[in-house]
C-alpha cells in the first residue's frame, strides 16, 4: 500500500517514491496489474475518501500534487486552464509534429 504526504504531494511505498512523470508533467502511479492512476486523483481519494469529478492544479504545475494545490472543479472551470498557443485569436493544442486547431465555447450559467 502507498503512503501519501499531503504537504509535498509525494507518494511512497516502503519509504521509496513511486510513480513516473509523463511528458506533460502529470504523474502516474501503478497499482496492481494494469491499474494506472493519476497521482492528483489518487491524492484526492486518500484525503477525502472519494474520487473527484475533475481536479485543478492551482499553480498550473501538474507535478505539484500537494493537497493545498488541488481543487475539485467542474469541467467548464477546468477548460479555462488548458494551455494553448494563441495565434490571431484562434487556439490550437500542439501535438508532436503538427498543430491541431481547436476552438472552445464557454457559456456562463
C-alpha atoms as a PDB file:
ATOM      1  CA  UNK A   1       0.000   0.000   0.000  1.00  0.00           C
ATOM      2  CA  UNK A   2       1.082   3.589  -0.617  1.00  0.00           C
ATOM      3  CA  UNK A   3       1.694   6.424   1.788  1.00  0.00           C
ATOM      4  CA  UNK A   4       0.807   9.980   0.777  1.00  0.00           C
ATOM      5  CA  UNK A   5       2.370  13.160   2.170  1.00  0.00           C
ATOM      6  CA  UNK A   6      -0.223  15.963   1.726  1.00  0.00           C
ATOM      7  CA  UNK A   7       2.419  18.668   2.240  1.00  0.00           C
ATOM      8  CA  UNK A   8       4.749  17.528  -0.538  1.00  0.00           C
ATOM      9  CA  UNK A   9       2.244  15.638  -2.683  1.00  0.00           C
ATOM     10  CA  UNK A  10       4.656  12.693  -2.826  1.00  0.00           C
ATOM     11  CA  UNK A  11       3.512   9.061  -2.837  1.00  0.00           C
ATOM     12  CA  UNK A  12       5.862   6.466  -1.371  1.00  0.00           C
ATOM     13  CA  UNK A  13       5.939   2.724  -0.811  1.00  0.00           C
ATOM     14  CA  UNK A  14       8.308   1.315   1.795  1.00  0.00           C
ATOM     15  CA  UNK A  15       9.925   4.757   2.003  1.00  0.00           C
ATOM     16  CA  UNK A  16      10.710   4.986  -1.718  1.00  0.00           C
ATOM     17  CA  UNK A  17       8.968   7.349  -4.171  1.00  0.00           C
ATOM     18  CA  UNK A  18       6.544   5.702  -6.596  1.00  0.00           C
ATOM     19  CA  UNK A  19       5.170   6.749  -9.966  1.00  0.00           C
ATOM     20  CA  UNK A  20       6.532   8.333 -13.105  1.00  0.00           C
ATOM     21  CA  UNK A  21       6.128  11.648 -14.847  1.00  0.00           C
ATOM     22  CA  UNK A  22       4.637  11.899 -18.313  1.00  0.00           C
ATOM     23  CA  UNK A  23       5.954  14.448 -20.842  1.00  0.00           C
ATOM     24  CA  UNK A  24       3.121  16.847 -19.981  1.00  0.00           C
ATOM     25  CA  UNK A  25       4.107  16.765 -16.283  1.00  0.00           C
ATOM     26  CA  UNK A  26       1.317  14.589 -14.879  1.00  0.00           C
ATOM     27  CA  UNK A  27       2.413  11.817 -12.537  1.00  0.00           C
ATOM     28  CA  UNK A  28       1.047   8.288 -12.908  1.00  0.00           C
ATOM     29  CA  UNK A  29       1.068   5.596 -10.248  1.00  0.00           C
ATOM     30  CA  UNK A  30       0.634   1.891 -10.969  1.00  0.00           C
ATOM     31  CA  UNK A  31      -1.267  -0.274  -8.525  1.00  0.00           C
ATOM     32  CA  UNK A  32      -1.512  -3.939  -9.333  1.00  0.00           C
ATOM     33  CA  UNK A  33      -1.837  -5.349 -12.809  1.00  0.00           C
ATOM     34  CA  UNK A  34      -2.708  -2.726 -15.365  1.00  0.00           C
ATOM     35  CA  UNK A  35      -4.240  -0.273 -12.910  1.00  0.00           C
ATOM     36  CA  UNK A  36      -2.881   3.223 -13.532  1.00  0.00           C
ATOM     37  CA  UNK A  37      -3.933   6.270 -11.559  1.00  0.00           C
ATOM     38  CA  UNK A  38      -3.166   9.934 -11.956  1.00  0.00           C
ATOM     39  CA  UNK A  39      -1.425  10.970  -8.738  1.00  0.00           C
ATOM     40  CA  UNK A  40      -3.607  14.050  -8.170  1.00  0.00           C
ATOM     41  CA  UNK A  41      -6.791  11.947  -8.368  1.00  0.00           C
ATOM     42  CA  UNK A  42      -5.297   9.341  -6.039  1.00  0.00           C
ATOM     43  CA  UNK A  43      -4.284  12.098  -3.602  1.00  0.00           C
ATOM     44  CA  UNK A  44      -7.885  13.358  -3.510  1.00  0.00           C
ATOM     45  CA  UNK A  45      -9.128   9.820  -2.827  1.00  0.00           C
ATOM     46  CA  UNK A  46      -6.600   9.404   0.016  1.00  0.00           C
ATOM     47  CA  UNK A  47      -7.685  12.617   1.755  1.00  0.00           C
ATOM     48  CA  UNK A  48     -11.435  12.769   1.083  1.00  0.00           C
ATOM     49  CA  UNK A  49     -12.269   9.073   0.640  1.00  0.00           C
ATOM     50  CA  UNK A  50     -13.951   9.539  -2.741  1.00  0.00           C
ATOM     51  CA  UNK A  51     -12.913  10.021  -6.354  1.00  0.00           C
ATOM     52  CA  UNK A  52     -13.108  13.598  -7.652  1.00  0.00           C
ATOM     53  CA  UNK A  53     -15.005  14.638 -10.763  1.00  0.00           C
ATOM     54  CA  UNK A  54     -12.202  16.886 -12.077  1.00  0.00           C
ATOM     55  CA  UNK A  55      -9.152  18.382 -10.373  1.00  0.00           C
ATOM     56  CA  UNK A  56      -7.427  21.704 -10.950  1.00  0.00           C
ATOM     57  CA  UNK A  57      -3.780  22.325 -10.022  1.00  0.00           C
ATOM     58  CA  UNK A  58      -3.991  25.867  -8.635  1.00  0.00           C
ATOM     59  CA  UNK A  59      -0.405  26.775  -9.539  1.00  0.00           C
ATOM     60  CA  UNK A  60      -0.690  25.236 -13.027  1.00  0.00           C
ATOM     61  CA  UNK A  61       2.039  22.678 -12.282  1.00  0.00           C
ATOM     62  CA  UNK A  62       0.645  19.170 -12.928  1.00  0.00           C
ATOM     63  CA  UNK A  63       3.515  17.625 -10.943  1.00  0.00           C
ATOM     64  CA  UNK A  64       2.632  19.500  -7.744  1.00  0.00           C
ATOM     65  CA  UNK A  65       0.151  17.188  -6.022  1.00  0.00           C
ATOM     66  CA  UNK A  66       0.143  18.693  -2.533  1.00  0.00           C
ATOM     67  CA  UNK A  67      -3.377  18.989  -1.130  1.00  0.00           C
ATOM     68  CA  UNK A  68      -3.117  22.786  -0.952  1.00  0.00           C
ATOM     69  CA  UNK A  69      -2.558  22.888  -4.708  1.00  0.00           C
ATOM     70  CA  UNK A  70      -5.552  20.724  -5.646  1.00  0.00           C
ATOM     71  CA  UNK A  71      -9.125  21.899  -6.088  1.00  0.00           C
ATOM     72  CA  UNK A  72     -12.167  19.983  -7.286  1.00  0.00           C
ATOM     73  CA  UNK A  73     -13.760  21.881 -10.178  1.00  0.00           C
ATOM     74  CA  UNK A  74     -16.405  21.470 -12.851  1.00  0.00           C
ATOM     75  CA  UNK A  75     -15.426  20.525 -16.385  1.00  0.00           C
ATOM     76  CA  UNK A  76     -16.107  24.084 -17.556  1.00  0.00           C
ATOM     77  CA  UNK A  77     -13.816  25.551 -14.880  1.00  0.00           C
ATOM     78  CA  UNK A  78     -11.091  23.097 -15.832  1.00  0.00           C
ATOM     79  CA  UNK A  79     -11.273  24.142 -19.505  1.00  0.00           C
ATOM     80  CA  UNK A  80     -10.134  27.642 -18.508  1.00  0.00           C
ATOM     81  CA  UNK A  81      -6.773  26.207 -17.506  1.00  0.00           C
ATOM     82  CA  UNK A  82      -5.886  24.434 -20.758  1.00  0.00           C
ATOM     83  CA  UNK A  83      -2.573  25.664 -22.122  1.00  0.00           C
ATOM     84  CA  UNK A  84      -2.899  26.767 -25.724  1.00  0.00           C
ATOM     85  CA  UNK A  85      -0.736  28.506 -28.238  1.00  0.00           C
ATOM     86  CA  UNK A  86      -2.568  31.705 -29.165  1.00  0.00           C
ATOM     87  CA  UNK A  87      -2.383  32.763 -32.788  1.00  0.00           C
ATOM     88  CA  UNK A  88      -4.658  35.520 -34.059  1.00  0.00           C
ATOM     89  CA  UNK A  89      -7.394  34.724 -31.541  1.00  0.00           C
ATOM     90  CA  UNK A  90      -7.570  31.057 -32.532  1.00  0.00           C
ATOM     91  CA  UNK A  91      -6.350  28.368 -30.203  1.00  0.00           C
ATOM     92  CA  UNK A  92      -4.516  25.200 -31.017  1.00  0.00           C
ATOM     93  CA  UNK A  93      -3.013  22.445 -28.932  1.00  0.00           C
ATOM     94  CA  UNK A  94       0.401  21.242 -30.041  1.00  0.00           C
ATOM     95  CA  UNK A  95       0.854  17.611 -30.894  1.00  0.00           C
ATOM     96  CA  UNK A  96       4.175  16.104 -31.900  1.00  0.00           C
ATOM     97  CA  UNK A  97       4.936  17.135 -35.457  1.00  0.00           C
ATOM     98  CA  UNK A  98       1.887  19.283 -36.201  1.00  0.00           C
ATOM     99  CA  UNK A  99      -0.777  21.655 -34.885  1.00  0.00           C
ATOM    100  CA  UNK A 100      -4.432  20.775 -34.463  1.00  0.00           C
ATOM    101  CA  UNK A 101      -6.710  23.820 -34.347  1.00  0.00           C
ATOM    102  CA  UNK A 102      -9.374  23.777 -31.674  1.00  0.00           C
ATOM    103  CA  UNK A 103     -11.997  26.241 -30.666  1.00  0.00           C
ATOM    104  CA  UNK A 104     -13.856  26.138 -27.370  1.00  0.00           C
ATOM    105  CA  UNK A 105     -17.012  27.996 -26.485  1.00  0.00           C
ATOM    106  CA  UNK A 106     -17.614  28.611 -22.804  1.00  0.00           C
ATOM    107  CA  UNK A 107     -21.026  29.698 -21.649  1.00  0.00           C
ATOM    108  CA  UNK A 108     -21.981  31.356 -18.407  1.00  0.00           C
ATOM    109  CA  UNK A 109     -24.718  29.716 -16.440  1.00  0.00           C
END
